[in-house]
Amino acid sequence: MSKRSVEFEIDNDLVVVKRTIYGKYIKRVLDVVLSVFALFILSPVLIIISILLLIFNGYPLLYKSPRVGLNCKTFLMYKFRSMNEKRDENGELLPGYMRITPIGRFIRACSIDELPELINIIKGDMSILGPRPLLVEWNELYSPRHKMRYSVLPGLACTRIDGIKSNTWTWREQFESDIYYVEHISFVTDVKMFFAVIKEVFKHSSSRSDDTRVDFDGTNLDETRTIEEIQADEKLK
């Protein structure tokens, strides 16, 4: 094995990940410096958004969600809360797309809801760029290949830079994009990823802003329909 590669055992599955000085040391320094700088520069925006969210969404301001990170360790990820707490007649929370408030939809469309994750980056839970940290309950649904995402810190964003052209963003495409990043992590890769993420921020995604993307269940890697479309199709059966 190359000295620039490291073996990881994740849930008894062996994965091999590229390791460089940049990935081991420089990337972390950049994460902390840039995150502190971003918090300072964006502090007026954060204050205004916080006030608006408290007025229109109420307390609590932040949404804290357990997520799986480096080496399968669980941490609390912070986001601005974009949904209300409306429930059905049985006291169960309504689906996410039915609970998003107007201001919540706005901050999701602009990715402003992700800004509190800068705190996670400073704490060492996350990186600026890397596979998105997903729900704990999905952990057992991944293949050994998909679990390569746990060999690096999760990030604020990880979009496609593998040269594949597609107008969709299925779970398979997301996981393969994550794996591509893990296998090619470098300063050049991060520069390409940074500009790709900026491009995505300015491209409206209704599945994200309206929270209509279907949850991963281990079998729907190639699902392109939204939750609403799936429900409509089921009613026609």
C-alpha atoms as a PDB file:
ATOM      1  CA  MET A   1       0.000   0.000   0.000  1.00  0.00           C
ATOM      2  CA  SER A   2       1.179   3.535  -0.760  1.00  0.00           C
ATOM      3  CA  LYS A   3       2.499   5.574   2.166  1.00  0.00           C
ATOM      4  CA  ARG A   4       0.021   8.225   1.076  1.00  0.00           C
ATOM      5  CA  SER A   5      -2.909   5.897   1.752  1.00  0.00           C
ATOM      6  CA  VAL A   6      -4.378   4.736   5.046  1.00  0.00           C
ATOM      7  CA  GLU A   7      -6.550   1.740   5.869  1.00  0.00           C
ATOM      8  CA  PHE A   8      -9.656   2.340   7.959  1.00  0.00           C
ATOM      9  CA  GLU A   9     -11.912  -0.264   9.483  1.00  0.00           C
ATOM     10  CA  ILE A  10     -15.476   1.024   9.595  1.00  0.00           C
ATOM     11  CA  ASP A  11     -18.107  -1.312  11.015  1.00  0.00           C
ATOM     12  CA  ASN A  12     -15.789  -4.257  10.202  1.00  0.00           C
ATOM     13  CA  ASP A  13     -15.394  -3.099   6.589  1.00  0.00           C
ATOM     14  CA  LEU A  14     -11.892  -2.166   5.381  1.00  0.00           C
ATOM     15  CA  VAL A  15     -11.610   1.016   3.304  1.00  0.00           C
ATOM     16  CA  VAL A  16      -8.511   2.677   1.872  1.00  0.00           C
ATOM     17  CA  VAL A  17      -8.322   6.461   1.810  1.00  0.00           C
ATOM     18  CA  LYS A  18      -5.767   8.816   0.294  1.00  0.00           C
ATOM     19  CA  ARG A  19      -3.787  10.762   2.902  1.00  0.00           C
ATOM     20  CA  THR A  20      -1.656  13.838   2.228  1.00  0.00           C
ATOM     21  CA  ILE A  21      -0.160  16.638   4.306  1.00  0.00           C
ATOM     22  CA  TYR A  22      -2.957  18.853   3.032  1.00  0.00           C
ATOM     23  CA  GLY A  23      -5.683  16.431   4.121  1.00  0.00           C
ATOM     24  CA  LYS A  24      -4.113  15.706   7.517  1.00  0.00           C
ATOM     25  CA  TYR A  25      -3.052  19.207   8.598  1.00  0.00           C
ATOM     26  CA  ILE A  26      -3.524  22.138   6.217  1.00  0.00           C
ATOM     27  CA  LYS A  27      -7.207  21.501   5.539  1.00  0.00           C
ATOM     28  CA  ARG A  28      -8.036  21.649   9.248  1.00  0.00           C
ATOM     29  CA  VAL A  29      -6.137  24.923   9.726  1.00  0.00           C
ATOM     30  CA  LEU A  30      -7.992  26.451   6.760  1.00  0.00           C
ATOM     31  CA  ASP A  31     -11.316  25.195   8.136  1.00  0.00           C
ATOM     32  CA  VAL A  32     -10.827  26.936  11.479  1.00  0.00           C
ATOM     33  CA  VAL A  33      -9.392  30.188  10.085  1.00  0.00           C
ATOM     34  CA  LEU A  34     -12.044  30.547   7.372  1.00  0.00           C
ATOM     35  CA  SER A  35     -14.910  29.605   9.716  1.00  0.00           C
ATOM     36  CA  VAL A  36     -13.894  32.148  12.362  1.00  0.00           C
ATOM     37  CA  PHE A  37     -13.491  34.775   9.632  1.00  0.00           C
ATOM     38  CA  ALA A  38     -16.911  33.883   8.143  1.00  0.00           C
ATOM     39  CA  LEU A  39     -18.631  34.126  11.539  1.00  0.00           C
ATOM     40  CA  PHE A  40     -17.099  37.574  12.060  1.00  0.00           C
ATOM     41  CA  ILE A  41     -17.992  38.883   8.586  1.00  0.00           C
ATOM     42  CA  LEU A  42     -21.467  37.355   8.570  1.00  0.00           C
ATOM     43  CA  SER A  43     -22.351  38.315  12.149  1.00  0.00           C
ATOM     44  CA  PRO A  44     -24.769  41.127  11.046  1.00  0.00           C
ATOM     45  CA  VAL A  45     -26.577  38.651   8.775  1.00  0.00           C
ATOM     46  CA  LEU A  46     -26.698  36.044  11.533  1.00  0.00           C
ATOM     47  CA  ILE A  47     -28.170  38.562  13.979  1.00  0.00           C
ATOM     48  CA  ILE A  48     -30.853  39.742  11.525  1.00  0.00           C
ATOM     49  CA  ILE A  49     -31.806  36.185  10.553  1.00  0.00           C
ATOM     50  CA  SER A  50     -31.928  35.165  14.217  1.00  0.00           C
ATOM     51  CA  ILE A  51     -34.332  38.006  15.050  1.00  0.00           C
ATOM     52  CA  LEU A  52     -36.583  37.217  12.068  1.00  0.00           C
ATOM     53  CA  LEU A  53     -36.659  33.520  12.904  1.00  0.00           C
ATOM     54  CA  LEU A  54     -37.569  34.213  16.534  1.00  0.00           C
ATOM     55  CA  ILE A  55     -40.386  36.496  15.366  1.00  0.00           C
ATOM     56  CA  PHE A  56     -41.843  34.190  12.726  1.00  0.00           C
ATOM     57  CA  ASN A  57     -40.809  30.713  13.881  1.00  0.00           C
ATOM     58  CA  GLY A  58     -40.498  31.217  17.610  1.00  0.00           C
ATOM     59  CA  TYR A  59     -38.188  29.465  20.046  1.00  0.00           C
ATOM     60  CA  PRO A  60     -35.887  27.519  19.817  1.00  0.00           C
ATOM     61  CA  LEU A  61     -33.769  29.305  17.256  1.00  0.00           C
ATOM     62  CA  LEU A  62     -31.514  26.387  16.418  1.00  0.00           C
ATOM     63  CA  TYR A  63     -32.300  22.873  15.298  1.00  0.00           C
ATOM     64  CA  LYS A  64     -29.931  20.295  16.780  1.00  0.00           C
ATOM     65  CA  SER A  65     -29.764  16.970  14.986  1.00  0.00           C
ATOM     66  CA  PRO A  66     -27.630  13.905  15.825  1.00  0.00           C
ATOM     67  CA  ARG A  67     -25.503  13.074  12.780  1.00  0.00           C
ATOM     68  CA  VAL A  68     -22.764  10.564  11.980  1.00  0.00           C
ATOM     69  CA  GLY A  69     -19.295  11.928  11.350  1.00  0.00           C
ATOM     70  CA  LEU A  70     -15.671  10.858  11.163  1.00  0.00           C
ATOM     71  CA  ASN A  71     -15.118   7.182  12.076  1.00  0.00           C
ATOM     72  CA  CYS A  72     -18.868   6.737  12.670  1.00  0.00           C
ATOM     73  CA  LYS A  73     -18.854   9.031  15.716  1.00  0.00           C
ATOM     74  CA  THR A  74     -22.141  10.790  16.426  1.00  0.00           C
ATOM     75  CA  PHE A  75     -22.301  14.545  17.033  1.00  0.00           C
ATOM     76  CA  LEU A  76     -24.961  17.251  17.262  1.00  0.00           C
ATOM     77  CA  MET A  77     -25.195  19.309  14.086  1.00  0.00           C
ATOM     78  CA  TYR A  78     -26.534  22.870  14.426  1.00  0.00           C
ATOM     79  CA  LYS A  79     -28.824  24.537  11.896  1.00  0.00           C
ATOM     80  CA  PHE A  80     -31.255  27.446  11.957  1.00  0.00           C
ATOM     81  CA  ARG A  81     -34.729  26.008  12.546  1.00  0.00           C
ATOM     82  CA  SER A  82     -36.766  26.331   9.349  1.00  0.00           C
ATOM     83  CA  MET A  83     -39.882  24.403  10.423  1.00  0.00           C
ATOM     84  CA  ASN A  84     -42.686  24.791  12.924  1.00  0.00           C
ATOM     85  CA  GLU A  85     -43.888  22.091  15.319  1.00  0.00           C
ATOM     86  CA  LYS A  86     -47.315  21.382  13.795  1.00  0.00           C
ATOM     87  CA  ARG A  87     -48.657  17.902  14.501  1.00  0.00           C
ATOM     88  CA  ASP A  88     -51.474  15.698  13.245  1.00  0.00           C
ATOM     89  CA  GLU A  89     -54.499  14.505  15.214  1.00  0.00           C
ATOM     90  CA  ASN A  90     -52.399  11.725  16.764  1.00  0.00           C
ATOM     91  CA  GLY A  91     -49.788  14.136  18.066  1.00  0.00           C
ATOM     92  CA  GLU A  92     -47.203  13.107  15.463  1.00  0.00           C
ATOM     93  CA  LEU A  93     -45.135  15.746  13.693  1.00  0.00           C
ATOM     94  CA  LEU A  94     -46.351  16.471  10.175  1.00  0.00           C
ATOM     95  CA  PRO A  95     -43.948  15.719   7.292  1.00  0.00           C
ATOM     96  CA  GLY A  96     -41.179  18.286   6.874  1.00  0.00           C
ATOM     97  CA  TYR A  97     -42.521  19.754   3.641  1.00  0.00           C
ATOM     98  CA  MET A  98     -45.786  20.574   5.465  1.00  0.00           C
ATOM     99  CA  ARG A  99     -44.032  22.332   8.355  1.00  0.00           C
ATOM    100  CA  ILE A 100     -41.626  24.652   6.538  1.00  0.00           C
ATOM    101  CA  THR A 101     -42.452  28.304   7.174  1.00  0.00           C
ATOM    102  CA  PRO A 102     -42.058  31.045   4.519  1.00  0.00           C
ATOM    103  CA  ILE A 103     -38.897  32.403   6.119  1.00  0.00           C
ATOM    104  CA  GLY A 104     -37.693  28.842   6.620  1.00  0.00           C
ATOM    105  CA  ARG A 105     -38.119  28.196   2.899  1.00  0.00           C
ATOM    106  CA  PHE A 106     -36.130  31.355   2.145  1.00  0.00           C
ATOM    107  CA  ILE A 107     -33.159  30.512   4.366  1.00  0.00           C
ATOM    108  CA  ARG A 108     -33.079  26.953   3.005  1.00  0.00           C
ATOM    109  CA  ALA A 109     -33.161  28.172  -0.606  1.00  0.00           C
ATOM    110  CA  CYS A 110     -30.192  30.452   0.144  1.00  0.00           C
ATOM    111  CA  SER A 111     -28.455  27.843   2.367  1.00  0.00           C
ATOM    112  CA  ILE A 112     -28.475  30.364   5.233  1.00  0.00           C
ATOM    113  CA  ASP A 113     -29.874  27.670   7.528  1.00  0.00           C
ATOM    114  CA  GLU A 114     -26.492  25.915   7.299  1.00  0.00           C
ATOM    115  CA  LEU A 115     -24.461  28.814   8.751  1.00  0.00           C
ATOM    116  CA  PRO A 116     -24.593  27.621  12.403  1.00  0.00           C
ATOM    117  CA  GLU A 117     -22.612  24.602  11.216  1.00  0.00           C
ATOM    118  CA  LEU A 118     -19.601  26.914  11.223  1.00  0.00           C
ATOM    119  CA  ILE A 119     -19.632  26.272  14.979  1.00  0.00           C
ATOM    120  CA  ASN A 120     -19.423  22.525  14.271  1.00  0.00           C
ATOM    121  CA  ILE A 121     -16.419  23.180  12.037  1.00  0.00           C
ATOM    122  CA  ILE A 122     -14.596  25.173  14.720  1.00  0.00           C
ATOM    123  CA  LYS A 123     -15.365  22.420  17.258  1.00  0.00           C
ATOM    124  CA  GLY A 124     -13.854  19.814  14.940  1.00  0.00           C
ATOM    125  CA  ASP A 125     -17.077  17.940  14.171  1.00  0.00           C
ATOM    126  CA  MET A 126     -17.118  19.024  10.536  1.00  0.00           C
ATOM    127  CA  SER A 127     -15.118  20.521   7.697  1.00  0.00           C
ATOM    128  CA  ILE A 128     -16.128  23.252   5.252  1.00  0.00           C
ATOM    129  CA  LEU A 129     -16.043  20.748   2.388  1.00  0.00           C
ATOM    130  CA  GLY A 130     -16.851  17.064   2.674  1.00  0.00           C
ATOM    131  CA  PRO A 131     -19.723  14.555   2.536  1.00  0.00           C
ATOM    132  CA  ARG A 132     -22.875  15.881   4.143  1.00  0.00           C
ATOM    133  CA  PRO A 133     -23.482  14.331   7.600  1.00  0.00           C
ATOM    134  CA  LEU A 134     -26.651  12.233   7.411  1.00  0.00           C
ATOM    135  CA  LEU A 135     -29.107  10.786   9.906  1.00  0.00           C
ATOM    136  CA  VAL A 136     -27.940   8.258  12.491  1.00  0.00           C
ATOM    137  CA  GLU A 137     -30.777   5.835  11.679  1.00  0.00           C
ATOM    138  CA  TRP A 138     -29.523   5.429   8.122  1.00  0.00           C
ATOM    139  CA  ASN A 139     -26.143   4.111   9.211  1.00  0.00           C
ATOM    140  CA  GLU A 140     -27.096   0.446   8.894  1.00  0.00           C
ATOM    141  CA  LEU A 141     -28.466   0.976   5.388  1.00  0.00           C
ATOM    142  CA  TYR A 142     -25.155   1.833   3.720  1.00  0.00           C
ATOM    143  CA  SER A 143     -22.993  -0.544   1.717  1.00  0.00           C
ATOM    144  CA  PRO A 144     -19.296  -0.875   2.658  1.00  0.00           C
ATOM    145  CA  ARG A 145     -18.513   1.447  -0.265  1.00  0.00           C
ATOM    146  CA  HIS A 146     -20.916   4.100   0.996  1.00  0.00           C
ATOM    147  CA  LYS A 147     -19.288   3.970   4.431  1.00  0.00           C
ATOM    148  CA  MET A 148     -16.100   5.450   2.951  1.00  0.00           C
ATOM    149  CA  ARG A 149     -17.794   8.787   3.704  1.00  0.00           C
ATOM    150  CA  TYR A 150     -16.949   8.165   7.373  1.00  0.00           C
ATOM    151  CA  SER A 151     -13.200   8.200   6.723  1.00  0.00           C
ATOM    152  CA  VAL A 152     -13.140  12.021   6.475  1.00  0.00           C
ATOM    153  CA  LEU A 153     -14.827  14.820   8.376  1.00  0.00           C
ATOM    154  CA  PRO A 154     -18.324  15.562   7.043  1.00  0.00           C
ATOM    155  CA  GLY A 155     -18.773  18.983   5.479  1.00  0.00           C
ATOM    156  CA  LEU A 156     -21.107  21.866   4.802  1.00  0.00           C
ATOM    157  CA  ALA A 157     -21.339  20.741   1.197  1.00  0.00           C
ATOM    158  CA  CYS A 158     -20.102  18.166  -1.288  1.00  0.00           C
ATOM    159  CA  THR A 159     -21.442  18.529  -4.798  1.00  0.00           C
ATOM    160  CA  ARG A 160     -20.558  16.937  -8.112  1.00  0.00           C
ATOM    161  CA  ILE A 161     -17.109  17.631  -9.592  1.00  0.00           C
ATOM    162  CA  ASP A 162     -16.527  14.183 -11.127  1.00  0.00           C
ATOM    163  CA  GLY A 163     -17.328  15.318 -14.670  1.00  0.00           C
ATOM    164  CA  ILE A 164     -20.613  13.420 -14.852  1.00  0.00           C
ATOM    165  CA  LYS A 165     -23.411  15.514 -16.347  1.00  0.00           C
ATOM    166  CA  SER A 166     -26.828  15.003 -14.771  1.00  0.00           C
ATOM    167  CA  ASN A 167     -29.868  17.099 -13.911  1.00  0.00           C
ATOM    168  CA  THR A 168     -30.814  14.773 -11.068  1.00  0.00           C
ATOM    169  CA  TRP A 169     -29.395  14.320  -7.558  1.00  0.00           C
ATOM    170  CA  THR A 170     -30.303  10.809  -6.518  1.00  0.00           C
ATOM    171  CA  TRP A 171     -28.933   9.148  -3.402  1.00  0.00           C
ATOM    172  CA  ARG A 172     -26.619   7.073  -5.602  1.00  0.00           C
ATOM    173  CA  GLU A 173     -25.273  10.241  -7.235  1.00  0.00           C
ATOM    174  CA  GLN A 174     -24.774  11.877  -3.847  1.00  0.00           C
ATOM    175  CA  PHE A 175     -22.924   8.900  -2.387  1.00  0.00           C
ATOM    176  CA  GLU A 176     -20.742   8.496  -5.478  1.00  0.00           C
ATOM    177  CA  SER A 177     -19.921  12.211  -5.338  1.00  0.00           C
ATOM    178  CA  ASP A 178     -18.954  11.772  -1.675  1.00  0.00           C
ATOM    179  CA  ILE A 179     -16.717   8.811  -2.506  1.00  0.00           C
ATOM    180  CA  TYR A 180     -15.093  10.684  -5.373  1.00  0.00           C
ATOM    181  CA  TYR A 181     -14.242  13.487  -2.966  1.00  0.00           C
ATOM    182  CA  VAL A 182     -12.812  11.073  -0.381  1.00  0.00           C
ATOM    183  CA  GLU A 183     -10.633   9.386  -3.006  1.00  0.00           C
ATOM    184  CA  HIS A 184      -9.373  12.655  -4.520  1.00  0.00           C
ATOM    185  CA  ILE A 185      -9.101  14.957  -1.513  1.00  0.00           C
ATOM    186  CA  SER A 186      -6.513  17.676  -2.172  1.00  0.00           C
ATOM    187  CA  PHE A 187      -6.182  21.445  -2.306  1.00  0.00           C
ATOM    188  CA  VAL A 188      -7.038  21.414  -6.028  1.00  0.00           C
ATOM    189  CA  THR A 189     -10.119  19.279  -5.369  1.00  0.00           C
ATOM    190  CA  ASP A 190     -11.251  21.680  -2.645  1.00  0.00           C
ATOM    191  CA  VAL A 191     -10.837  24.687  -4.936  1.00  0.00           C
ATOM    192  CA  LYS A 192     -12.954  22.976  -7.612  1.00  0.00           C
ATOM    193  CA  MET A 193     -15.510  21.952  -4.995  1.00  0.00           C
ATOM    194  CA  PHE A 194     -15.707  25.463  -3.566  1.00  0.00           C
ATOM    195  CA  PHE A 195     -16.678  26.999  -6.904  1.00  0.00           C
ATOM    196  CA  ALA A 196     -19.072  24.134  -7.660  1.00  0.00           C
ATOM    197  CA  VAL A 197     -20.805  24.719  -4.312  1.00  0.00           C
ATOM    198  CA  ILE A 198     -21.095  28.467  -4.959  1.00  0.00           C
ATOM    199  CA  LYS A 199     -22.751  27.649  -8.282  1.00  0.00           C
ATOM    200  CA  GLU A 200     -25.207  25.290  -6.556  1.00  0.00           C
ATOM    201  CA  VAL A 201     -26.127  27.905  -3.938  1.00  0.00           C
ATOM    202  CA  PHE A 202     -27.337  30.231  -6.693  1.00  0.00           C
ATOM    203  CA  LYS A 203     -29.250  27.430  -8.400  1.00  0.00           C
ATOM    204  CA  HIS A 204     -32.679  27.016  -6.778  1.00  0.00           C
ATOM    205  CA  SER A 205     -33.459  23.510  -5.515  1.00  0.00           C
ATOM    206  CA  SER A 206     -37.117  22.983  -4.652  1.00  0.00           C
ATOM    207  CA  SER A 207     -36.393  19.594  -3.065  1.00  0.00           C
ATOM    208  CA  ARG A 208     -34.111  21.347  -0.576  1.00  0.00           C
ATOM    209  CA  SER A 209     -36.082  24.556   0.032  1.00  0.00           C
ATOM    210  CA  ASP A 210     -39.383  22.655   0.335  1.00  0.00           C
ATOM    211  CA  ASP A 211     -37.905  19.535   1.989  1.00  0.00           C
ATOM    212  CA  THR A 212     -39.578  17.204  -0.501  1.00  0.00           C
ATOM    213  CA  ARG A 213     -36.658  14.854  -1.108  1.00  0.00           C
ATOM    214  CA  VAL A 214     -37.448  11.267  -0.197  1.00  0.00           C
ATOM    215  CA  ASP A 215     -35.545   9.796   2.775  1.00  0.00           C
ATOM    216  CA  PHE A 216     -32.947   7.124   2.060  1.00  0.00           C
ATOM    217  CA  ASP A 217     -34.249   3.637   2.876  1.00  0.00           C
ATOM    218  CA  GLY A 218     -31.440   1.463   1.498  1.00  0.00           C
ATOM    219  CA  THR A 219     -33.333   0.529  -1.678  1.00  0.00           C
ATOM    220  CA  ASN A 220     -34.105   3.875  -3.328  1.00  0.00           C
ATOM    221  CA  LEU A 221     -30.648   4.836  -4.575  1.00  0.00           C
ATOM    222  CA  ASP A 222     -32.009   5.848  -7.979  1.00  0.00           C
ATOM    223  CA  GLU A 223     -35.291   7.473  -6.903  1.00  0.00           C
ATOM    224  CA  THR A 224     -35.851  10.795  -8.661  1.00  0.00           C
ATOM    225  CA  ARG A 225     -39.395  11.526  -7.475  1.00  0.00           C
ATOM    226  CA  THR A 226     -40.194  13.875  -4.588  1.00  0.00           C
ATOM    227  CA  ILE A 227     -42.255  12.825  -1.574  1.00  0.00           C
ATOM    228  CA  GLU A 228     -45.315  14.539  -3.056  1.00  0.00           C
ATOM    229  CA  GLU A 229     -44.871  12.771  -6.404  1.00  0.00           C
ATOM    230  CA  ILE A 230     -44.527   9.389  -4.706  1.00  0.00           C
ATOM    231  CA  GLN A 231     -47.666  10.008  -2.647  1.00  0.00           C
ATOM    232  CA  ALA A 232     -49.561  11.071  -5.781  1.00  0.00           C
ATOM    233  CA  ASP A 233     -48.431   7.919  -7.619  1.00  0.00           C
ATOM    234  CA  GLU A 234     -49.503   5.725  -4.695  1.00  0.00           C
ATOM    235  CA  LYS A 235     -52.991   7.282  -4.731  1.00  0.00           C
ATOM    236  CA  LEU A 236     -53.329   6.365  -8.409  1.00  0.00           C
ATOM    237  CA  LYS A 237     -52.610   2.708  -7.740  1.00  0.00           C
END
